[in-house]
Amino acid sequence: MPLPTDEKALALGRDIVDAFDKAFHGPYPGYRAAHAKGALLTGTFVPAPEAASLTRAPHIERASTPVSVRFSNSAGVPVVPDNDPQGASPRGCAIRFHLAEHVHTDIVSHSADGFPVRIAEELVELVRAIAATEPDSPHPNPIEAFLGGHPAALAYVQMPKPFPTSFAKEHFFAVSAFKFTNADGKEQYGRYRIVPELGTEYLTDEDAAAKTPNYLFDELFERIAAEPIKFQIFVQLANDGDPTDDATKQWPEDRTLLKFGEITLDTLVPNNEEEQRQIIFDPIPRVDGIDKSADPLFEPRATAYLMSGRRRRAAGKA
C-alpha cells in the first residue's frame, strides 16, 4: 500500500502520528503511535451462510480463511498498565484475513461503540489538547475547552469503558461504516461488531484497580495455551436515512444484525514482538465486495497507520 501523493494528505497523516507521539511522551521506537501494547494471535475464520447475501468478498465464498488478530490497549505507551483508567481503554482488536500471499483485508475495531470526532483534523485537535493539558493547567484547560465545543467528543469521553476480565470476554466495534456488495450487485451499508462466544464480563473499578499491570495479557496467554478463543462477527445493517459518513453517530439498536462469520483463535504467534512490528493493519478494506463508505476518517487513518508502521519496521531493523 503506497502513501498518498497529495501533500495535504501527507501532512495530515504526519500531524496525526505526531499528536499521538506528544500525547504519550513518545515516540517509542519499534512501537505503534497508538495501541502500542498488544499481542498477536492466529486462527481461522469461517463465514456464516447468510453473509453471502451481504457480500461477494472472497473470504465469504471460501470454506475458511486464515486470520491474524491483534489485541491491544489504547495508549501509545508499550508498558501502559492493563488497568490504567486513562491509557488502557478502549481496547483494540484488529483482524487480518489472509486471502493469498501478500493479499489481505482487515477489520480495525475497538471496545467502545463510538468515536469522538467526525474528521481527522478534529482528531488532531483532540489529541493535541490532551497533550497540552497538565494537572495544574488553569480552567478551562485545553481538553476542557475542546470538549466544551465538541459535544460528540464529550459524549465519547463520558461513555462507560469498563475493564473486562479477559480479552476473550470483550466486544469490539469497527469505527466506520462500510459498503457491502453481493454477487447480484446489491449494496448495503453496515458496521462490524465482534462479539465474544463467552459473552462479556467486566470488573468493578475497585476490582480493576487491584489487578496486576499485565492482568489482561497474562490471562490471554494462559487462556490461548489451554483452549481456543472464539468470536462471532456480525454486521449491523443501516436503514434508509442512517448516517454512513459520520463515525460519531451510532445507529439504533433495533437495526438488523447479520451474522458474518466466526473466528477461532488457537495460537500465540512466536516471536510476537517482532511480528507485531511487521504487520500494518489497514482500515480500508481494499477487497471486492467490501468498500469504505464516504466516512472522511478512512484515508487519514490509513495514511497514519502506514506512516507509523513504516517507522516501526525501520526501528526494528535498526
Protein backbone atom coordinates (compact mmCIF):
# COMPACT_ATOMS: atom_id res chain seq x y z
CA MET A 1 0.00 0.00 0.00
CA PRO A 2 1.61 3.30 -1.05
CA LEU A 3 1.37 6.60 0.77
CA PRO A 4 -0.78 9.28 -0.88
CA THR A 5 0.98 11.70 -3.19
CA ASP A 6 -1.10 14.71 -2.14
CA GLU A 7 0.98 16.87 0.20
CA LYS A 8 -2.03 17.94 2.25
CA ALA A 9 -2.95 14.30 2.92
CA LEU A 10 0.66 13.50 3.84
CA ALA A 11 0.80 16.48 6.20
CA LEU A 12 -2.42 15.37 7.91
CA GLY A 13 -1.04 11.86 8.38
CA ARG A 14 2.14 13.27 9.92
CA ASP A 15 0.07 15.51 12.20
CA ILE A 16 -1.91 12.53 13.49
CA VAL A 17 1.20 10.50 14.29
CA ASP A 18 2.98 13.50 15.81
CA ALA A 19 -0.02 14.37 18.00
CA PHE A 20 -0.13 10.84 19.44
CA ASP A 21 3.63 10.89 19.98
CA LYS A 22 3.36 14.06 22.05
CA ALA A 23 0.28 12.91 23.97
CA PHE A 24 2.06 9.72 25.07
CA HIS A 25 5.53 11.27 25.55
CA GLY A 26 6.89 9.26 22.63
CA PRO A 27 7.80 8.12 20.14
CA TYR A 28 8.79 4.69 21.39
CA PRO A 29 10.99 3.13 18.69
CA GLY A 30 9.57 -0.08 17.29
CA TYR A 31 6.06 0.52 18.64
CA ARG A 32 2.79 1.94 17.36
CA ALA A 33 1.96 5.60 17.94
CA ALA A 34 -1.30 4.37 19.50
CA HIS A 35 -2.28 0.91 20.79
CA ALA A 36 1.40 0.20 21.41
CA LYS A 37 0.95 -2.66 23.89
CA GLY A 38 -0.53 -5.73 22.26
CA ALA A 39 -0.37 -9.40 21.38
CA LEU A 40 -0.78 -11.19 18.06
CA LEU A 41 -2.70 -14.45 17.70
CA THR A 42 -3.61 -16.60 14.71
CA GLY A 43 -6.54 -18.81 13.82
CA THR A 44 -9.29 -19.36 11.29
CA PHE A 45 -12.36 -17.52 10.03
CA VAL A 46 -15.41 -19.48 8.89
CA PRO A 47 -18.12 -17.45 7.12
CA ALA A 48 -21.79 -17.64 8.03
CA PRO A 49 -24.08 -18.86 5.22
CA GLU A 50 -26.17 -15.68 5.39
CA ALA A 51 -23.09 -13.49 4.78
CA ALA A 52 -23.32 -14.31 1.05
CA SER A 53 -26.49 -12.20 0.89
CA LEU A 54 -24.38 -9.23 2.01
CA THR A 55 -21.11 -9.52 0.10
CA ARG A 56 -19.25 -11.39 -2.62
CA ALA A 57 -15.91 -10.89 -0.80
CA PRO A 58 -13.54 -13.86 -1.26
CA HIS A 59 -13.38 -14.81 2.43
CA ILE A 60 -17.17 -15.23 2.38
CA GLU A 61 -17.07 -17.51 -0.66
CA ARG A 62 -14.43 -19.83 0.86
CA ALA A 63 -14.96 -22.52 3.47
CA SER A 64 -12.38 -20.91 5.74
CA THR A 65 -9.64 -18.27 5.74
CA PRO A 66 -6.55 -17.90 7.98
CA VAL A 67 -6.60 -14.85 10.24
CA SER A 68 -4.22 -12.89 12.43
CA VAL A 69 -5.75 -10.95 15.32
CA ARG A 70 -4.04 -8.34 17.47
CA PHE A 71 -5.49 -7.34 20.85
CA SER A 72 -4.19 -4.13 22.38
CA ASN A 73 -4.52 -1.37 24.95
CA SER A 74 -5.32 2.13 23.77
CA ALA A 75 -2.30 4.25 24.65
CA GLY A 76 0.84 4.62 22.58
CA VAL A 77 2.88 3.51 25.61
CA PRO A 78 4.34 -0.01 25.40
CA VAL A 79 4.18 -0.57 29.17
CA VAL A 80 0.81 1.01 29.94
CA PRO A 81 -0.88 -0.98 32.73
CA ASP A 82 -3.85 -3.02 31.58
CA ASN A 83 -5.94 -1.44 34.35
CA ASP A 84 -4.89 2.18 33.71
CA PRO A 85 -8.18 4.12 33.53
CA GLN A 86 -6.67 6.76 31.23
CA GLY A 87 -4.38 4.77 28.95
CA ALA A 88 -5.78 1.25 28.56
CA SER A 89 -9.30 1.93 27.30
CA PRO A 90 -10.74 1.45 24.80
CA ARG A 91 -9.02 -1.80 23.92
CA GLY A 92 -8.32 -2.66 20.31
CA CYS A 93 -8.98 -5.70 18.13
CA ALA A 94 -7.51 -5.73 14.62
CA ILE A 95 -8.29 -8.68 12.33
CA ARG A 96 -6.42 -9.62 9.17
CA PHE A 97 -7.97 -12.08 6.70
CA HIS A 98 -5.14 -13.72 4.70
CA LEU A 99 -6.59 -14.17 1.21
CA ALA A 100 -3.35 -15.08 -0.61
CA GLU A 101 0.34 -14.32 -0.32
CA HIS A 102 0.58 -10.55 0.27
CA VAL A 103 -3.19 -10.24 -0.32
CA HIS A 104 -5.42 -9.45 2.65
CA THR A 105 -8.26 -7.37 4.06
CA ASP A 106 -8.62 -6.09 7.60
CA ILE A 107 -11.13 -5.04 10.24
CA VAL A 108 -9.88 -2.48 12.77
CA SER A 109 -12.11 -2.15 15.83
CA HIS A 110 -12.12 -1.04 19.45
CA SER A 111 -14.14 -1.78 22.56
CA ALA A 112 -16.14 1.48 22.58
CA ASP A 113 -19.23 1.70 20.39
CA GLY A 114 -18.46 5.16 19.06
CA PHE A 115 -15.78 7.65 18.12
CA PRO A 116 -15.11 11.17 19.42
CA VAL A 117 -14.75 13.09 16.14
CA ARG A 118 -16.02 13.03 12.57
CA ILE A 119 -12.91 14.24 10.74
CA ALA A 120 -9.19 13.65 11.21
CA GLU A 121 -8.42 17.33 11.69
CA GLU A 122 -10.58 17.28 14.82
CA LEU A 123 -8.78 14.14 15.99
CA VAL A 124 -5.50 16.04 15.80
CA GLU A 125 -7.04 18.91 17.78
CA LEU A 126 -8.35 16.50 20.41
CA VAL A 127 -5.07 14.67 20.89
CA ARG A 128 -3.11 17.93 20.95
CA ALA A 129 -5.48 19.24 23.64
CA ILE A 130 -4.81 16.11 25.70
CA ALA A 131 -1.06 16.62 25.31
CA ALA A 132 -1.30 20.29 26.29
CA THR A 133 -3.31 19.66 29.45
CA GLU A 134 -1.29 19.45 32.67
CA PRO A 135 -2.62 18.67 36.16
CA ASP A 136 -2.12 22.32 37.16
CA SER A 137 -3.44 23.86 33.92
CA PRO A 138 -5.88 26.70 34.64
CA HIS A 139 -9.55 26.05 33.90
CA PRO A 140 -10.85 25.69 31.34
CA ASN A 141 -7.75 23.72 30.41
CA PRO A 142 -7.12 22.72 26.77
CA ILE A 143 -9.05 19.45 26.89
CA GLU A 144 -11.98 21.05 28.71
CA ALA A 145 -12.08 23.79 26.09
CA PHE A 146 -12.07 21.26 23.27
CA LEU A 147 -14.79 19.09 24.81
CA GLY A 148 -16.88 22.16 25.53
CA GLY A 149 -17.05 22.89 21.82
CA HIS A 150 -17.39 19.29 20.62
CA PRO A 151 -20.42 17.55 22.17
CA ALA A 152 -19.77 14.26 20.34
CA ALA A 153 -16.28 14.09 21.82
CA LEU A 154 -17.64 14.89 25.28
CA ALA A 155 -20.21 12.10 24.95
CA TYR A 156 -17.49 9.69 23.87
CA VAL A 157 -15.23 10.63 26.78
CA GLN A 158 -18.11 10.16 29.22
CA MET A 159 -19.12 6.81 27.70
CA PRO A 160 -18.53 3.96 30.19
CA LYS A 161 -15.45 1.91 29.28
CA PRO A 162 -15.25 -0.81 31.94
CA PHE A 163 -12.33 -3.20 32.23
CA PRO A 164 -13.05 -6.75 31.04
CA THR A 165 -11.98 -9.83 32.93
CA SER A 166 -10.41 -11.10 29.70
CA PHE A 167 -9.87 -10.10 26.08
CA ALA A 168 -11.94 -13.22 25.36
CA LYS A 169 -14.85 -11.57 27.19
CA GLU A 170 -14.77 -8.18 25.47
CA HIS A 171 -16.75 -6.94 22.47
CA PHE A 172 -15.41 -4.68 19.73
CA PHE A 173 -16.87 -2.26 17.18
CA ALA A 174 -15.45 -1.02 13.89
CA VAL A 175 -15.15 2.77 13.88
CA SER A 176 -16.76 3.48 10.49
CA ALA A 177 -19.50 2.12 8.24
CA PHE A 178 -18.69 0.03 5.15
CA LYS A 179 -20.42 -0.55 1.83
CA PHE A 180 -21.07 -4.22 1.12
CA THR A 181 -21.92 -5.55 -2.35
CA ASN A 182 -23.18 -9.08 -3.02
CA ALA A 183 -22.92 -11.25 -6.13
CA ASP A 184 -26.10 -9.72 -7.57
CA GLY A 185 -24.73 -6.20 -7.19
CA LYS A 186 -26.99 -5.28 -4.27
CA GLU A 187 -25.36 -2.71 -1.99
CA GLN A 188 -25.91 -2.35 1.75
CA TYR A 189 -24.15 -0.33 4.41
CA GLY A 190 -23.16 -1.82 7.72
CA ARG A 191 -20.89 -1.70 10.74
CA TYR A 192 -18.90 -4.63 12.12
CA ARG A 193 -19.40 -5.94 15.63
CA ILE A 194 -17.10 -8.58 17.11
CA VAL A 195 -18.81 -10.49 19.91
CA PRO A 196 -17.08 -12.99 22.25
CA GLU A 197 -18.51 -16.50 22.34
CA LEU A 198 -18.23 -16.46 26.15
CA GLY A 199 -20.16 -13.22 26.47
CA THR A 200 -18.87 -10.02 28.03
CA GLU A 201 -17.73 -9.80 31.64
CA TYR A 202 -16.43 -6.70 33.40
CA LEU A 203 -14.73 -5.73 36.63
CA THR A 204 -15.81 -3.08 39.08
CA ASP A 205 -13.48 -0.09 39.31
CA GLU A 206 -12.26 -1.35 42.66
CA ASP A 207 -11.54 -4.86 41.38
CA ALA A 208 -9.79 -3.47 38.28
CA ALA A 209 -7.56 -1.25 40.41
CA ALA A 210 -6.48 -4.30 42.40
CA LYS A 211 -5.37 -6.21 39.30
CA THR A 212 -1.74 -6.53 38.21
CA PRO A 213 -0.47 -4.21 35.44
CA ASN A 214 -0.41 -7.07 32.90
CA TYR A 215 -3.51 -8.93 34.04
CA LEU A 216 -5.23 -8.95 30.63
CA PHE A 217 -2.23 -10.19 28.66
CA ASP A 218 -1.21 -12.71 31.33
CA GLU A 219 -4.75 -14.11 31.25
CA LEU A 220 -4.76 -14.10 27.43
CA PHE A 221 -1.52 -16.09 27.23
CA GLU A 222 -2.77 -18.64 29.77
CA ARG A 223 -6.12 -18.98 28.02
CA ILE A 224 -4.76 -19.46 24.49
CA ALA A 225 -2.32 -22.09 25.78
CA ALA A 226 -5.24 -24.05 27.25
CA GLU A 227 -8.08 -23.64 24.74
CA PRO A 228 -9.16 -21.78 21.58
CA ILE A 229 -10.79 -18.35 21.80
CA LYS A 230 -13.88 -17.73 19.68
CA PHE A 231 -15.60 -14.58 18.44
CA GLN A 232 -18.69 -14.09 16.31
CA ILE A 233 -18.58 -11.30 13.73
CA PHE A 234 -21.84 -9.52 12.94
CA VAL A 235 -22.70 -6.63 10.66
CA GLN A 236 -25.24 -4.11 11.91
CA LEU A 237 -27.18 -3.10 8.80
CA ALA A 238 -28.14 0.51 8.18
CA ASN A 239 -31.71 1.53 7.48
CA ASP A 240 -32.50 4.15 4.87
CA GLY A 241 -31.53 7.52 6.26
CA ASP A 242 -28.99 6.22 8.78
CA PRO A 243 -25.78 8.26 8.51
CA THR A 244 -22.95 6.25 6.97
CA ASP A 245 -20.33 9.01 6.79
CA ASP A 246 -20.10 10.03 10.45
CA ALA A 247 -18.32 7.82 12.99
CA THR A 248 -19.73 9.85 15.91
CA LYS A 249 -23.32 8.85 15.10
CA GLN A 250 -24.33 5.34 16.06
CA TRP A 251 -27.45 3.62 14.75
CA PRO A 252 -30.38 2.47 16.89
CA GLU A 253 -30.06 -0.95 18.49
CA ASP A 254 -33.13 -2.22 16.63
CA ARG A 255 -31.17 -2.37 13.36
CA THR A 256 -30.74 -5.85 11.88
CA LEU A 257 -27.63 -7.78 12.93
CA LEU A 258 -26.49 -10.14 10.16
CA LYS A 259 -24.02 -12.85 11.10
CA PHE A 260 -20.82 -12.50 9.08
CA GLY A 261 -18.89 -15.46 10.47
CA GLU A 262 -16.87 -16.92 13.32
CA ILE A 263 -13.22 -16.61 14.29
CA THR A 264 -11.41 -19.31 16.23
CA LEU A 265 -8.01 -18.31 17.61
CA ASP A 266 -5.69 -21.12 18.70
CA THR A 267 -2.08 -19.92 18.55
CA LEU A 268 0.02 -17.17 20.10
CA VAL A 269 2.38 -16.06 17.34
CA PRO A 270 6.04 -16.97 18.00
CA ASN A 271 8.49 -14.07 18.10
CA ASN A 272 5.45 -11.98 18.94
CA GLU A 273 7.01 -8.54 19.38
CA GLU A 274 8.81 -8.69 16.04
CA GLU A 275 5.72 -9.95 14.21
CA GLN A 276 3.69 -7.11 15.72
CA ARG A 277 6.25 -4.65 14.37
CA GLN A 278 5.90 -6.07 10.89
CA ILE A 279 2.12 -6.17 10.48
CA ILE A 280 0.47 -2.90 9.40
CA PHE A 281 -3.31 -3.04 9.57
CA ASP A 282 -5.37 -1.05 7.11
CA PRO A 283 -8.79 0.43 7.97
CA ILE A 284 -9.71 0.48 4.25
CA PRO A 285 -10.91 -2.99 3.10
CA ARG A 286 -9.41 -2.92 -0.45
CA VAL A 287 -11.24 -6.09 -1.47
CA ASP A 288 -14.00 -6.80 -3.97
CA GLY A 289 -17.39 -6.84 -2.28
CA ILE A 290 -16.46 -4.62 0.68
CA ASP A 291 -15.60 -0.96 0.29
CA LYS A 292 -15.19 2.06 2.51
CA SER A 293 -18.12 4.40 2.94
CA ALA A 294 -17.85 8.16 2.50
CA ASP A 295 -16.63 8.48 6.10
CA PRO A 296 -13.79 11.06 5.92
CA LEU A 297 -11.75 9.24 8.58
CA PHE A 298 -10.79 6.34 6.31
CA GLU A 299 -8.00 7.86 4.23
CA PRO A 300 -6.25 9.82 7.02
CA ARG A 301 -6.34 6.80 9.32
CA ALA A 302 -4.85 4.58 6.61
CA THR A 303 -2.09 7.12 5.98
CA ALA A 304 -1.26 7.47 9.68
CA TYR A 305 -1.24 3.68 10.17
CA LEU A 306 1.15 3.27 7.26
CA MET A 307 3.46 6.05 8.44
CA SER A 308 3.55 4.64 11.96
CA GLY A 309 4.07 1.13 10.57
CA ARG A 310 6.99 2.05 8.34
CA ARG A 311 8.65 3.90 11.20
CA ARG A 312 8.09 0.90 13.46
CA ARG A 313 9.62 -1.52 10.95
CA ALA A 314 12.63 0.72 10.42
CA ALA A 315 13.26 0.92 14.16
CA GLY A 316 13.07 -2.85 14.42
CA LYS A 317 15.73 -3.24 11.71
CA ALA A 318 17.95 -0.67 13.40
